[in-house]
Amino acid sequence: MTNPQLAAVYEKAADVVRINGHCKNWYYDLYSEGKQPRKNLRVCAVGALSIAVTGDPQPPEELDGLLAEAIADLSPRIVSATVDDNPVERIADWNDAAVRMPSEVVDTLLLAAKAVA
């Protein structure tokens, strides 16, 4: 099924990681917080999706709308050791893997964009 709006979110999130940089273990780089706007901080995959939809790297506690859809759609596209049904936890496990490189996050987001375009 095509979803151009979702594809645009993935493409924008890929750009956010490419421009801002990638981080692990939180939605955004806590060490740089306060030194620049949060939307410009290094982000994890979920943080990038959140910026793409809401403009802030920390998603709201209650996910809904396009952000919830993007996270739910991306979760089964990645390989995660987390068997939890929580898609944010699955993506975080994948994002935070020691071997995960920023280019892989960007490529995965762009592949997801192509899949739903």
N, C-alpha and C. Protein backbone atom coordinates (compact mmCIF):
# COMPACT_ATOMS: atom_id res chain seq x y z
N MET A 1 0.84 -1.17 0.00
CA MET A 1 0.00 0.00 0.00
C MET A 1 0.89 1.24 0.00
N THR A 2 0.55 2.19 -0.83
CA THR A 2 1.34 3.41 -0.90
C THR A 2 0.83 4.43 0.10
N ASN A 3 1.77 5.21 0.61
CA ASN A 3 1.44 6.26 1.56
C ASN A 3 2.47 7.37 1.39
N PRO A 4 2.23 8.29 0.47
CA PRO A 4 3.20 9.36 0.20
C PRO A 4 3.52 10.21 1.44
N GLN A 5 2.55 10.41 2.31
CA GLN A 5 2.78 11.21 3.52
C GLN A 5 3.78 10.49 4.44
N LEU A 6 3.64 9.19 4.59
CA LEU A 6 4.55 8.41 5.41
C LEU A 6 5.94 8.37 4.76
N ALA A 7 5.98 8.23 3.45
CA ALA A 7 7.26 8.26 2.74
C ALA A 7 7.99 9.57 2.99
N ALA A 8 7.26 10.67 2.97
CA ALA A 8 7.88 11.98 3.21
C ALA A 8 8.44 12.08 4.63
N VAL A 9 7.76 11.48 5.60
CA VAL A 9 8.26 11.47 6.98
C VAL A 9 9.58 10.71 7.04
N TYR A 10 9.64 9.55 6.42
CA TYR A 10 10.88 8.76 6.42
C TYR A 10 12.02 9.52 5.74
N GLU A 11 11.72 10.16 4.63
CA GLU A 11 12.76 10.92 3.92
C GLU A 11 13.26 12.09 4.77
N LYS A 12 12.35 12.78 5.41
CA LYS A 12 12.74 13.90 6.27
C LYS A 12 13.55 13.39 7.46
N ALA A 13 13.14 12.28 8.06
CA ALA A 13 13.88 11.71 9.19
C ALA A 13 15.29 11.31 8.75
N ALA A 14 15.43 10.75 7.56
CA ALA A 14 16.75 10.39 7.04
C ALA A 14 17.62 11.64 6.91
N ASP A 15 17.03 12.72 6.41
CA ASP A 15 17.77 13.99 6.30
C ASP A 15 18.19 14.50 7.67
N VAL A 16 17.32 14.36 8.66
CA VAL A 16 17.64 14.82 10.02
C VAL A 16 18.87 14.08 10.53
N VAL A 17 18.91 12.76 10.37
CA VAL A 17 20.08 11.99 10.83
C VAL A 17 21.31 12.38 10.04
N ARG A 18 21.16 12.54 8.74
CA ARG A 18 22.30 12.89 7.89
C ARG A 18 22.86 14.27 8.27
N ILE A 19 22.00 15.22 8.56
CA ILE A 19 22.43 16.59 8.86
C ILE A 19 22.84 16.76 10.32
N ASN A 20 22.02 16.27 11.24
CA ASN A 20 22.28 16.47 12.68
C ASN A 20 23.28 15.48 13.25
N GLY A 21 23.29 14.28 12.70
CA GLY A 21 24.11 13.22 13.25
C GLY A 21 23.27 12.22 14.01
N HIS A 22 23.88 11.12 14.36
CA HIS A 22 23.20 9.99 14.99
C HIS A 22 23.67 9.83 16.43
N CYS A 23 22.76 9.47 17.32
CA CYS A 23 23.14 9.17 18.69
C CYS A 23 22.43 7.90 19.15
N LYS A 24 22.86 7.40 20.27
CA LYS A 24 22.31 6.18 20.85
C LYS A 24 21.92 6.44 22.30
N ASN A 25 21.06 5.59 22.80
CA ASN A 25 20.67 5.53 24.21
C ASN A 25 19.70 6.62 24.67
N TRP A 26 19.29 7.51 23.82
CA TRP A 26 18.23 8.47 24.11
C TRP A 26 17.77 9.06 22.80
N TYR A 27 16.66 9.75 22.81
CA TYR A 27 16.10 10.30 21.57
C TYR A 27 17.02 11.33 20.93
N TYR A 28 17.78 12.03 21.76
CA TYR A 28 18.68 13.07 21.26
C TYR A 28 19.90 13.14 22.17
N ASP A 29 20.90 13.87 21.72
CA ASP A 29 22.17 14.00 22.45
C ASP A 29 21.98 14.89 23.68
N LEU A 30 21.85 14.25 24.82
CA LEU A 30 21.62 14.98 26.08
C LEU A 30 22.78 15.90 26.44
N TYR A 31 24.00 15.52 26.04
CA TYR A 31 25.17 16.32 26.40
C TYR A 31 25.21 17.66 25.67
N SER A 32 24.53 17.74 24.54
CA SER A 32 24.51 18.98 23.77
C SER A 32 23.24 19.80 24.00
N GLU A 33 22.33 19.26 24.78
CA GLU A 33 21.08 19.97 25.03
C GLU A 33 21.38 21.32 25.69
N GLY A 34 20.70 22.33 25.26
CA GLY A 34 20.90 23.67 25.80
C GLY A 34 21.95 24.48 25.05
N LYS A 35 22.76 23.81 24.24
CA LYS A 35 23.79 24.49 23.46
C LYS A 35 23.29 24.89 22.08
N GLN A 36 22.19 24.28 21.68
CA GLN A 36 21.57 24.58 20.40
C GLN A 36 20.11 24.11 20.47
N PRO A 37 19.29 24.52 19.52
CA PRO A 37 17.90 24.06 19.55
C PRO A 37 17.82 22.53 19.50
N ARG A 38 16.86 21.96 20.23
CA ARG A 38 16.73 20.50 20.28
C ARG A 38 16.54 19.90 18.89
N LYS A 39 15.88 20.60 17.99
CA LYS A 39 15.66 20.06 16.65
C LYS A 39 16.96 19.94 15.85
N ASN A 40 18.05 20.52 16.35
CA ASN A 40 19.34 20.45 15.67
C ASN A 40 20.31 19.46 16.31
N LEU A 41 19.89 18.78 17.36
CA LEU A 41 20.77 17.85 18.07
C LEU A 41 20.88 16.52 17.34
N ARG A 42 21.96 15.79 17.64
CA ARG A 42 22.10 14.43 17.13
C ARG A 42 20.92 13.62 17.68
N VAL A 43 20.41 12.69 16.87
CA VAL A 43 19.21 11.94 17.24
C VAL A 43 19.33 10.46 16.94
N CYS A 44 18.48 9.69 17.60
CA CYS A 44 18.31 8.28 17.27
C CYS A 44 17.25 8.19 16.17
N ALA A 45 16.95 6.99 15.72
CA ALA A 45 15.96 6.82 14.66
C ALA A 45 14.59 7.34 15.08
N VAL A 46 14.16 7.03 16.29
CA VAL A 46 12.86 7.50 16.76
C VAL A 46 12.87 9.02 16.94
N GLY A 47 13.97 9.56 17.43
CA GLY A 47 14.10 11.01 17.56
C GLY A 47 14.01 11.71 16.22
N ALA A 48 14.60 11.10 15.20
CA ALA A 48 14.53 11.68 13.85
C ALA A 48 13.10 11.65 13.32
N LEU A 49 12.40 10.54 13.55
CA LEU A 49 11.00 10.47 13.13
C LEU A 49 10.17 11.51 13.87
N SER A 50 10.45 11.69 15.15
CA SER A 50 9.72 12.67 15.93
C SER A 50 9.95 14.09 15.41
N ILE A 51 11.19 14.43 15.10
CA ILE A 51 11.47 15.74 14.52
C ILE A 51 10.72 15.91 13.20
N ALA A 52 10.74 14.86 12.39
CA ALA A 52 10.08 14.93 11.08
C ALA A 52 8.59 15.23 11.20
N VAL A 53 7.97 14.75 12.27
CA VAL A 53 6.53 14.94 12.43
C VAL A 53 6.18 16.11 13.36
N THR A 54 6.88 16.19 14.50
CA THR A 54 6.48 17.18 15.52
C THR A 54 7.42 18.37 15.63
N GLY A 55 8.65 18.24 15.11
CA GLY A 55 9.64 19.30 15.25
C GLY A 55 10.49 19.17 16.50
N ASP A 56 10.19 18.18 17.35
CA ASP A 56 10.95 17.95 18.58
C ASP A 56 11.45 16.51 18.59
N PRO A 57 12.70 16.28 19.04
CA PRO A 57 13.23 14.92 19.00
C PRO A 57 12.65 13.97 20.05
N GLN A 58 12.02 14.48 21.06
CA GLN A 58 11.43 13.60 22.07
C GLN A 58 9.95 13.43 21.76
N PRO A 59 9.55 12.21 21.41
CA PRO A 59 8.15 12.02 21.07
C PRO A 59 7.26 12.18 22.30
N PRO A 60 6.01 12.54 22.09
CA PRO A 60 5.09 12.63 23.22
C PRO A 60 4.88 11.25 23.84
N GLU A 61 4.50 11.23 25.10
CA GLU A 61 4.29 9.95 25.80
C GLU A 61 3.23 9.12 25.10
N GLU A 62 2.18 9.74 24.66
CA GLU A 62 1.12 9.05 23.95
C GLU A 62 1.30 9.29 22.46
N LEU A 63 1.77 8.28 21.76
CA LEU A 63 1.96 8.41 20.32
C LEU A 63 0.62 8.34 19.61
N ASP A 64 0.46 9.19 18.62
CA ASP A 64 -0.74 9.10 17.81
C ASP A 64 -0.44 9.66 16.43
N GLY A 65 -1.39 9.56 15.55
CA GLY A 65 -1.29 10.14 14.23
C GLY A 65 -0.14 9.60 13.41
N LEU A 66 0.44 10.48 12.63
CA LEU A 66 1.48 10.10 11.68
C LEU A 66 2.74 9.58 12.36
N LEU A 67 3.09 10.11 13.51
CA LEU A 67 4.28 9.62 14.22
C LEU A 67 4.07 8.18 14.67
N ALA A 68 2.93 7.89 15.24
CA ALA A 68 2.63 6.52 15.66
C ALA A 68 2.64 5.58 14.45
N GLU A 69 2.09 6.04 13.35
CA GLU A 69 2.06 5.23 12.13
C GLU A 69 3.47 4.95 11.61
N ALA A 70 4.31 5.96 11.61
CA ALA A 70 5.69 5.79 11.12
C ALA A 70 6.46 4.80 11.99
N ILE A 71 6.32 4.93 13.30
CA ILE A 71 7.04 4.04 14.22
C ILE A 71 6.51 2.61 14.09
N ALA A 72 5.21 2.46 14.01
CA ALA A 72 4.62 1.12 13.87
C ALA A 72 5.00 0.48 12.55
N ASP A 73 5.13 1.27 11.50
CA ASP A 73 5.50 0.74 10.19
C ASP A 73 6.98 0.39 10.13
N LEU A 74 7.83 1.19 10.75
CA LEU A 74 9.28 0.93 10.70
C LEU A 74 9.68 -0.28 11.54
N SER A 75 9.02 -0.48 12.66
CA SER A 75 9.40 -1.53 13.60
C SER A 75 9.57 -2.91 12.95
N PRO A 76 8.63 -3.40 12.16
CA PRO A 76 8.84 -4.72 11.56
C PRO A 76 9.85 -4.74 10.41
N ARG A 77 10.28 -3.58 9.96
CA ARG A 77 11.26 -3.51 8.87
C ARG A 77 12.69 -3.68 9.35
N ILE A 78 12.91 -3.63 10.66
CA ILE A 78 14.26 -3.74 11.20
C ILE A 78 14.41 -5.06 11.94
N VAL A 79 15.67 -5.47 12.11
CA VAL A 79 15.96 -6.70 12.85
C VAL A 79 16.38 -6.30 14.26
N SER A 80 15.57 -6.73 15.22
CA SER A 80 15.82 -6.38 16.61
C SER A 80 15.72 -7.62 17.48
N ALA A 81 16.59 -7.71 18.46
CA ALA A 81 16.52 -8.82 19.41
C ALA A 81 15.35 -8.64 20.37
N THR A 82 14.81 -7.43 20.43
CA THR A 82 13.69 -7.15 21.31
C THR A 82 12.43 -7.79 20.75
N VAL A 83 11.82 -8.64 21.54
CA VAL A 83 10.59 -9.29 21.10
C VAL A 83 9.37 -8.57 21.67
N ASP A 84 9.60 -7.51 22.39
CA ASP A 84 8.54 -6.70 22.97
C ASP A 84 7.62 -6.21 21.85
N ASP A 85 6.35 -6.11 22.16
CA ASP A 85 5.40 -5.60 21.18
C ASP A 85 5.47 -4.09 21.02
N ASN A 86 6.27 -3.44 21.85
CA ASN A 86 6.40 -1.99 21.79
C ASN A 86 7.32 -1.62 20.63
N PRO A 87 6.80 -0.98 19.57
CA PRO A 87 7.63 -0.67 18.42
C PRO A 87 8.76 0.32 18.73
N VAL A 88 8.55 1.22 19.68
CA VAL A 88 9.62 2.15 20.06
C VAL A 88 10.79 1.37 20.66
N GLU A 89 10.50 0.40 21.51
CA GLU A 89 11.56 -0.42 22.12
C GLU A 89 12.30 -1.24 21.07
N ARG A 90 11.58 -1.78 20.11
CA ARG A 90 12.24 -2.56 19.03
C ARG A 90 13.19 -1.67 18.23
N ILE A 91 12.72 -0.49 17.86
CA ILE A 91 13.57 0.41 17.08
C ILE A 91 14.75 0.88 17.92
N ALA A 92 14.52 1.18 19.20
CA ALA A 92 15.61 1.62 20.08
C ALA A 92 16.67 0.54 20.20
N ASP A 93 16.27 -0.71 20.36
CA ASP A 93 17.23 -1.81 20.46
C ASP A 93 18.08 -1.87 19.19
N TRP A 94 17.45 -1.76 18.06
CA TRP A 94 18.16 -1.79 16.77
C TRP A 94 19.08 -0.58 16.65
N ASN A 95 18.56 0.60 16.93
CA ASN A 95 19.32 1.85 16.83
C ASN A 95 20.56 1.83 17.73
N ASP A 96 20.39 1.31 18.94
CA ASP A 96 21.45 1.39 19.95
C ASP A 96 22.49 0.28 19.86
N ALA A 97 22.34 -0.64 18.92
CA ALA A 97 23.31 -1.72 18.77
C ALA A 97 24.70 -1.14 18.55
N ALA A 98 25.69 -1.74 19.18
CA ALA A 98 27.06 -1.23 19.10
C ALA A 98 27.55 -1.10 17.66
N VAL A 99 27.09 -1.97 16.79
CA VAL A 99 27.56 -1.97 15.40
C VAL A 99 26.78 -1.00 14.51
N ARG A 100 25.72 -0.40 15.03
CA ARG A 100 24.86 0.44 14.19
C ARG A 100 25.58 1.72 13.80
N MET A 101 25.66 1.96 12.52
CA MET A 101 26.30 3.15 11.98
C MET A 101 25.22 4.15 11.51
N PRO A 102 25.54 5.44 11.54
CA PRO A 102 24.56 6.43 11.07
C PRO A 102 24.07 6.16 9.65
N SER A 103 24.97 5.73 8.79
CA SER A 103 24.58 5.45 7.41
C SER A 103 23.53 4.35 7.32
N GLU A 104 23.58 3.38 8.23
CA GLU A 104 22.57 2.32 8.23
C GLU A 104 21.21 2.86 8.63
N VAL A 105 21.19 3.79 9.57
CA VAL A 105 19.92 4.40 9.99
C VAL A 105 19.34 5.18 8.82
N VAL A 106 20.16 5.97 8.17
CA VAL A 106 19.70 6.75 7.01
C VAL A 106 19.19 5.81 5.92
N ASP A 107 19.98 4.78 5.59
CA ASP A 107 19.59 3.85 4.53
C ASP A 107 18.28 3.13 4.87
N THR A 108 18.12 2.73 6.11
CA THR A 108 16.89 2.03 6.52
C THR A 108 15.68 2.95 6.39
N LEU A 109 15.83 4.20 6.79
CA LEU A 109 14.72 5.15 6.65
C LEU A 109 14.39 5.39 5.18
N LEU A 110 15.41 5.50 4.35
CA LEU A 110 15.16 5.71 2.91
C LEU A 110 14.54 4.48 2.26
N LEU A 111 14.93 3.28 2.67
CA LEU A 111 14.32 2.06 2.16
C LEU A 111 12.85 1.99 2.57
N ALA A 112 12.55 2.38 3.79
CA ALA A 112 11.17 2.41 4.25
C ALA A 112 10.36 3.41 3.41
N ALA A 113 10.98 4.54 3.11
CA ALA A 113 10.30 5.55 2.29
C ALA A 113 9.95 4.99 0.91
N LYS A 114 10.91 4.29 0.32
CA LYS A 114 10.67 3.69 -1.00
C LYS A 114 9.57 2.63 -0.94
N ALA A 115 9.56 1.88 0.15
CA ALA A 115 8.58 0.79 0.29
C ALA A 115 7.15 1.30 0.38
N VAL A 116 6.96 2.50 0.93
CA VAL A 116 5.60 3.01 1.10
C VAL A 116 5.23 4.10 0.08
N ALA A 117 6.20 4.52 -0.72
CA ALA A 117 5.95 5.59 -1.71
C ALA A 117 5.00 5.14 -2.80
